[in-house]
Amino acid sequence: LGQWGGPGDFGKGVGITSSASGSSNIIIKNNELTRTRSFEKAATIGFTGTNVMIENNYIHDAHGNVGINMGGVQVTARNNTIRKVGYVGIWFMNLLGGTIDHNILKDNLATHSNAISVYSSGSVVLTSDIVVSNNQVYDSDRALTFDYVNNLMVYNNIFDGAVNSWGGMTGYLRIFNNDMSYRLGLSTTGAPGNSFSELTVKNNILDGVSGGNWTQDTGISNAVHEYNLYTALNPYQCTPGQGIGCYWIFGLGEIDGHLAGKSVVYANESANDFHLKSTSVAINNGTDISAYLVGSGLNTNDIDGNPRPQGSAWDIGAYEYY
């Protein structure tokens, strides 16, 4: 599908699109799209629409392309597999009400090949009420990036790559039950400031966070981080009294596992198996976050669909041990 375009040939390499204003009630399902190449980051699937479902498509070897690029109102990208695209895998921009759920994104390693991006254009909040859930991201430049979004829920994902905010966030940012094999970066250093009404980070397995204090780094005085397991700490995550510039304080129920590392937590992290070992400290050490899921369309199941909890309490991370 598509064709190779030279610089300035914007739109060459597009696979499925709509030029009609106000396209609505559209389903794009069960397609394989490949070799949709461009120099201008054309979208393999992309347009602005209302009530759009993009489901169970296989997009791969799209050099220079975005996999899925959508704006509009109420758009869902679900159960898609995206491999070896040359730009962003799934990009929601200027979208009111969207869900990115149960997608697999892997081997997206070109410059700026973010697996998932949720942005607004023009440094103004034009994107709102987005859910990123149950996705698996492996071997990408960055796993998830976001900026200028009002109300973002990030739940039950495997992120084998960095997760970064570039600032400008409003409303709430809720990050629950994710596995992150790189640092979580919420610092606004060099980026526009946030004005969250709520920043809540619970039940995640984190390979450290950027900066040494989320209140200082995000500008949010009421940031809540609880029941997270840290498999690594960056040099600035040192507690008061450990040295100059040490102001990190662990939150309620948080576990410092950086000395033991990931091998005692996961079944086989090197093979992208993030299920928990039977002896993992993540088991039964999370907290019930079901109250946060009301109205989001999400349930309390883990990424495999298993009910939580299986033991005396929720497990930390995307997988419940069973």
Protein backbone atom coordinates (compact mmCIF):
# COMPACT_ATOMS: atom_id res chain seq x y z
CA LEU A 1 0.00 0.00 0.00
CA GLY A 2 1.08 3.59 -0.53
CA GLN A 3 4.18 4.76 -2.31
CA TRP A 4 7.54 6.28 -1.54
CA GLY A 5 7.50 10.06 -1.52
CA GLY A 6 10.38 12.48 -1.50
CA PRO A 7 10.77 15.45 0.87
CA GLY A 8 7.78 17.74 0.44
CA ASP A 9 5.53 14.97 -0.85
CA PHE A 10 3.37 15.05 2.26
CA GLY A 11 0.81 12.27 2.32
CA LYS A 12 2.74 9.80 0.22
CA GLY A 13 2.81 6.45 1.98
CA VAL A 14 -0.66 6.77 3.52
CA GLY A 15 -2.48 3.46 3.83
CA ILE A 16 -6.03 4.19 5.06
CA THR A 17 -7.32 7.73 5.48
CA SER A 18 -10.35 9.95 4.97
CA SER A 19 -10.32 13.42 3.45
CA ALA A 20 -13.95 14.02 4.40
CA SER A 21 -14.55 16.47 7.21
CA GLY A 22 -16.40 14.95 10.15
CA SER A 23 -16.00 11.27 9.24
CA SER A 24 -17.91 9.27 11.85
CA ASN A 25 -18.95 5.78 12.94
CA ILE A 26 -16.05 4.05 11.21
CA ILE A 27 -14.57 0.59 11.89
CA ILE A 28 -11.15 -0.37 10.50
CA LYS A 29 -10.61 -4.01 11.35
CA ASN A 30 -8.59 -7.13 10.43
CA ASN A 31 -6.21 -5.58 7.91
CA GLU A 32 -2.54 -6.09 7.22
CA LEU A 33 -0.73 -2.95 6.10
CA THR A 34 2.92 -3.02 5.17
CA ARG A 35 5.60 -1.09 3.24
CA THR A 36 3.72 2.21 3.49
CA ARG A 37 6.87 4.30 3.31
CA SER A 38 7.34 8.05 3.49
CA PHE A 39 9.80 10.81 4.28
CA GLU A 40 7.11 12.94 5.93
CA LYS A 41 5.86 10.66 8.74
CA ALA A 42 2.63 9.88 6.92
CA ALA A 43 0.08 7.78 8.81
CA THR A 44 -0.47 4.19 7.76
CA ILE A 45 -3.94 4.62 9.30
CA GLY A 46 -4.83 8.21 10.08
CA PHE A 47 -7.52 10.90 9.97
CA THR A 48 -9.78 12.99 12.19
CA GLY A 49 -13.06 11.27 13.02
CA THR A 50 -15.84 10.68 15.53
CA ASN A 51 -16.70 7.27 16.99
CA VAL A 52 -13.89 5.36 15.30
CA MET A 53 -12.74 1.81 16.12
CA ILE A 54 -9.35 0.62 14.82
CA GLU A 55 -9.07 -3.03 15.79
CA ASN A 56 -7.03 -6.15 15.13
CA ASN A 57 -4.83 -4.72 12.38
CA TYR A 58 -1.25 -5.71 11.69
CA ILE A 59 0.98 -2.79 10.64
CA HIS A 60 4.62 -3.50 9.95
CA ASP A 61 7.72 -2.43 8.00
CA ALA A 62 6.32 1.05 7.42
CA HIS A 63 9.56 2.96 7.08
CA GLY A 64 9.24 6.62 8.00
CA ASN A 65 5.55 6.24 8.86
CA VAL A 66 3.33 6.61 11.88
CA GLY A 67 1.38 3.41 12.49
CA ILE A 68 -1.92 4.90 13.67
CA ASN A 69 -2.39 8.69 13.89
CA MET A 70 -5.82 9.87 15.01
CA GLY A 71 -7.60 13.03 16.13
CA GLY A 72 -11.26 13.81 16.71
CA VAL A 73 -13.75 12.50 19.27
CA GLN A 74 -14.10 9.04 20.82
CA VAL A 75 -11.46 6.96 19.05
CA THR A 76 -10.33 3.48 20.14
CA ALA A 77 -7.23 1.60 18.97
CA ARG A 78 -7.46 -1.97 20.27
CA ASN A 79 -5.72 -5.31 19.68
CA ASN A 80 -3.44 -3.98 16.94
CA THR A 81 0.11 -5.22 16.39
CA ILE A 82 2.63 -2.64 15.17
CA ARG A 83 6.22 -3.56 14.27
CA LYS A 84 9.08 -1.71 12.64
CA VAL A 85 7.44 1.60 11.87
CA GLY A 86 9.81 4.51 11.39
CA TYR A 87 8.01 7.04 13.57
CA VAL A 88 5.37 6.85 16.33
CA GLY A 89 3.46 3.57 16.64
CA ILE A 90 0.13 4.95 17.93
CA TRP A 91 -0.25 8.72 18.04
CA PHE A 92 -3.36 10.39 19.47
CA MET A 93 -3.32 14.15 18.92
CA ASN A 94 -6.08 16.72 19.48
CA LEU A 95 -8.50 14.01 20.54
CA LEU A 96 -11.40 14.22 23.00
CA GLY A 97 -12.03 10.84 24.55
CA GLY A 98 -9.74 8.03 23.38
CA THR A 99 -8.64 4.54 24.35
CA ILE A 100 -5.39 2.76 23.43
CA ASP A 101 -5.92 -0.79 24.68
CA HIS A 102 -4.41 -4.28 24.31
CA ASN A 103 -2.01 -3.36 21.50
CA ILE A 104 1.42 -4.91 20.94
CA LEU A 105 4.18 -2.57 19.73
CA LYS A 106 7.70 -3.82 19.15
CA ASP A 107 10.93 -3.21 17.24
CA ASN A 108 10.21 0.48 16.62
CA LEU A 109 13.76 1.77 16.98
CA ALA A 110 14.22 4.63 14.53
CA THR A 111 14.77 8.19 15.76
CA HIS A 112 11.59 9.44 17.46
CA SER A 113 9.99 6.00 17.21
CA ASN A 114 7.91 6.45 20.33
CA ALA A 115 5.64 3.44 20.68
CA ILE A 116 2.69 5.48 22.01
CA SER A 117 2.34 9.27 22.08
CA VAL A 118 -0.55 11.37 23.38
CA TYR A 119 -0.09 15.05 22.53
CA SER A 120 -1.81 18.31 21.73
CA SER A 121 -0.53 20.60 19.00
CA GLY A 122 0.48 24.22 19.47
CA SER A 123 1.24 24.07 23.22
CA VAL A 124 -2.46 24.27 24.05
CA VAL A 125 -4.45 21.50 25.75
CA LEU A 126 -6.59 20.03 22.94
CA THR A 127 -6.46 16.38 24.04
CA SER A 128 -8.54 15.12 26.93
CA ASP A 129 -9.80 12.00 28.70
CA ILE A 130 -7.42 9.38 27.34
CA VAL A 131 -6.92 5.81 28.61
CA VAL A 132 -3.74 3.86 27.82
CA SER A 133 -4.26 0.32 29.10
CA ASN A 134 -3.15 -3.30 28.73
CA ASN A 135 -0.55 -2.58 26.05
CA GLN A 136 2.76 -4.39 25.59
CA VAL A 137 5.69 -2.34 24.31
CA TYR A 138 9.07 -3.90 23.57
CA ASP A 139 12.24 -2.52 21.97
CA SER A 140 11.09 0.99 21.08
CA ASP A 141 12.87 4.33 21.24
CA ARG A 142 10.46 5.41 23.99
CA ALA A 143 7.51 3.41 25.26
CA LEU A 144 5.12 6.29 26.07
CA THR A 145 5.34 10.07 25.77
CA PHE A 146 2.69 12.68 26.52
CA ASP A 147 2.19 16.42 26.86
CA TYR A 148 -0.63 18.96 27.05
CA VAL A 149 -3.24 16.35 27.98
CA ASN A 150 -6.16 16.84 30.36
CA ASN A 151 -6.97 13.63 32.30
CA LEU A 152 -4.75 10.68 31.37
CA MET A 153 -5.06 7.15 32.80
CA VAL A 154 -2.12 4.76 32.30
CA TYR A 155 -3.03 1.28 33.58
CA ASN A 156 -1.85 -2.32 33.28
CA ASN A 157 0.85 -1.83 30.64
CA ILE A 158 4.23 -3.44 29.95
CA PHE A 159 6.64 -0.65 29.00
CA ASP A 160 10.03 -1.95 27.92
CA GLY A 161 11.26 1.56 27.27
CA ALA A 162 11.23 5.02 28.81
CA VAL A 163 8.01 6.78 29.82
CA ASN A 164 8.24 10.58 29.64
CA SER A 165 6.07 13.65 30.09
CA TRP A 166 7.11 16.80 28.26
CA GLY A 167 4.93 19.02 30.46
CA GLY A 168 1.74 21.02 30.03
CA MET A 169 -0.43 18.40 31.76
CA THR A 170 -3.74 19.36 33.38
CA GLY A 171 -6.53 17.53 35.21
CA TYR A 172 -5.39 14.17 36.55
CA LEU A 173 -2.53 11.87 35.67
CA ARG A 174 -3.05 8.38 37.09
CA ILE A 175 -0.40 5.71 36.63
CA PHE A 176 -1.37 2.30 38.04
CA ASN A 177 -0.11 -1.30 37.84
CA ASN A 178 2.44 -0.89 35.07
CA ASP A 179 5.78 -2.63 34.56
CA MET A 180 8.44 -0.12 33.48
CA SER A 181 11.87 -1.47 32.65
CA TYR A 182 13.31 2.07 32.35
CA ARG A 183 12.86 5.18 34.44
CA LEU A 184 9.60 7.05 34.73
CA GLY A 185 10.32 10.65 33.74
CA LEU A 186 7.87 13.28 34.95
CA SER A 187 10.38 16.10 35.31
CA THR A 188 9.49 19.41 33.69
CA THR A 189 13.08 20.63 33.52
CA GLY A 190 13.39 22.46 30.21
CA ALA A 191 9.71 21.84 29.43
CA PRO A 192 6.51 23.80 30.11
CA GLY A 193 5.10 23.42 33.60
CA ASN A 194 2.29 21.13 34.63
CA SER A 195 -0.88 22.19 36.41
CA PHE A 196 -2.27 18.83 37.52
CA SER A 197 -5.16 18.74 39.90
CA GLU A 198 -4.06 15.17 40.72
CA LEU A 199 -0.93 13.09 40.20
CA THR A 200 -1.30 9.55 41.56
CA VAL A 201 1.22 6.76 40.95
CA LYS A 202 0.46 3.39 42.59
CA ASN A 203 1.21 -0.33 42.20
CA ASN A 204 3.93 0.07 39.55
CA ILE A 205 7.21 -1.78 39.17
CA LEU A 206 9.64 1.01 38.30
CA ASP A 207 13.28 1.00 37.29
CA GLY A 208 13.69 4.27 39.15
CA VAL A 209 12.33 7.71 38.39
CA SER A 210 14.00 10.75 36.87
CA GLY A 211 14.93 13.39 39.40
CA GLY A 212 14.93 12.99 43.13
CA ASN A 213 11.55 14.29 44.21
CA TRP A 214 8.29 14.28 42.27
CA THR A 215 6.97 17.37 44.01
CA GLN A 216 10.04 19.34 43.00
CA ASP A 217 10.40 17.83 39.53
CA THR A 218 6.74 18.11 38.47
CA GLY A 219 5.70 21.19 40.43
CA ILE A 220 2.82 19.25 42.02
CA SER A 221 2.69 19.66 45.78
CA ASN A 222 0.03 16.95 46.28
CA ALA A 223 1.69 14.21 44.21
CA VAL A 224 0.92 10.73 45.61
CA HIS A 225 3.27 7.78 45.03
CA GLU A 226 2.42 4.66 47.01
CA TYR A 227 2.86 0.86 46.87
CA ASN A 228 5.39 1.00 44.04
CA LEU A 229 8.33 -1.41 43.78
CA TYR A 230 11.65 0.07 42.64
CA THR A 231 13.99 -2.36 40.89
CA ALA A 232 16.56 0.42 40.52
CA LEU A 233 17.17 3.92 41.86
CA ASN A 234 18.82 6.79 40.07
CA PRO A 235 21.65 8.60 41.94
CA TYR A 236 19.28 11.37 43.08
CA GLN A 237 16.84 8.94 44.70
CA CYS A 238 18.71 9.12 47.98
CA THR A 239 17.00 9.86 51.24
CA PRO A 240 17.72 12.85 53.48
CA GLY A 241 20.92 12.35 55.44
CA GLN A 242 22.59 10.18 52.78
CA GLY A 243 24.37 13.09 51.15
CA ILE A 244 24.13 16.57 49.68
CA GLY A 245 21.02 17.04 47.53
CA CYS A 246 19.28 13.94 48.89
CA TYR A 247 15.58 14.59 49.33
CA TRP A 248 13.87 11.42 48.12
CA ILE A 249 11.24 10.03 50.51
CA PHE A 250 9.56 6.69 49.86
CA GLY A 251 5.77 6.79 49.91
CA LEU A 252 3.35 4.61 51.83
CA GLY A 253 3.91 0.92 51.09
CA GLU A 254 6.74 1.53 48.62
CA ILE A 255 9.48 -1.09 48.36
CA ASP A 256 13.14 -0.45 47.71
CA GLY A 257 14.22 -3.49 45.71
CA HIS A 258 17.17 -1.96 43.89
CA LEU A 259 19.79 -4.16 45.54
CA ALA A 260 18.03 -7.35 44.48
CA GLY A 261 17.09 -6.07 41.01
CA LYS A 262 14.64 -7.51 38.51
CA SER A 263 15.75 -11.14 38.47
CA VAL A 264 13.99 -11.87 41.76
CA VAL A 265 10.79 -10.13 40.62
CA TYR A 266 10.04 -11.42 37.11
CA ALA A 267 9.82 -14.91 35.62
CA ASN A 268 12.22 -14.01 32.78
CA GLU A 269 12.55 -10.29 32.11
CA SER A 270 15.35 -10.78 29.58
CA ALA A 271 12.90 -12.76 27.41
CA ASN A 272 10.15 -10.14 27.89
CA ASP A 273 8.27 -12.33 30.35
CA PHE A 274 7.10 -9.94 33.05
CA HIS A 275 4.94 -12.46 34.93
CA LEU A 276 5.83 -12.61 38.60
CA LYS A 277 7.94 -15.32 40.17
CA SER A 278 6.24 -17.27 42.94
CA THR A 279 8.63 -15.66 45.42
CA SER A 280 8.35 -12.13 44.03
CA VAL A 281 8.10 -9.33 46.58
CA ALA A 282 5.45 -7.75 44.31
CA ILE A 283 2.90 -10.40 45.35
CA ASN A 284 0.25 -9.18 47.81
CA ASN A 285 2.06 -5.87 48.38
CA GLY A 286 -0.10 -3.60 46.23
CA THR A 287 -3.25 -1.70 47.08
CA ASP A 288 -6.82 -1.74 45.77
CA ILE A 289 -7.18 1.07 43.18
CA SER A 290 -10.65 0.04 41.92
CA ALA A 291 -12.18 3.33 43.08
CA TYR A 292 -10.04 5.17 40.51
CA LEU A 293 -11.37 3.00 37.68
CA VAL A 294 -15.04 3.99 38.09
CA GLY A 295 -16.27 5.64 34.90
CA SER A 296 -13.09 4.82 32.95
CA GLY A 297 -14.44 1.72 31.20
CA LEU A 298 -11.70 -0.34 32.86
CA ASN A 299 -12.07 -3.34 35.15
CA THR A 300 -9.81 -4.64 37.90
CA ASN A 301 -8.46 -7.62 35.91
CA ASP A 302 -4.76 -7.87 35.19
CA ILE A 303 -3.30 -7.64 31.68
CA ASP A 304 -4.00 -11.37 31.12
CA GLY A 305 -7.63 -10.95 32.19
CA ASN A 306 -7.20 -12.58 35.60
CA PRO A 307 -9.26 -11.08 38.44
CA ARG A 308 -7.56 -9.09 41.19
CA PRO A 309 -6.74 -9.96 43.87
CA GLN A 310 -5.69 -13.61 43.71
CA GLY A 311 -4.25 -13.51 47.22
CA SER A 312 -4.69 -11.39 50.32
CA ALA A 313 -4.08 -8.12 48.44
CA TRP A 314 -3.43 -6.75 44.95
CA ASP A 315 -0.06 -7.52 43.43
CA ILE A 316 2.22 -4.76 42.16
CA GLY A 317 2.64 -4.57 38.39
CA ALA A 318 0.55 -5.52 35.36
CA TYR A 319 0.35 -9.25 36.17
CA GLU A 320 -1.42 -10.81 39.14
CA TYR A 321 0.32 -13.96 40.30
CA TYR A 322 -1.95 -17.01 40.14
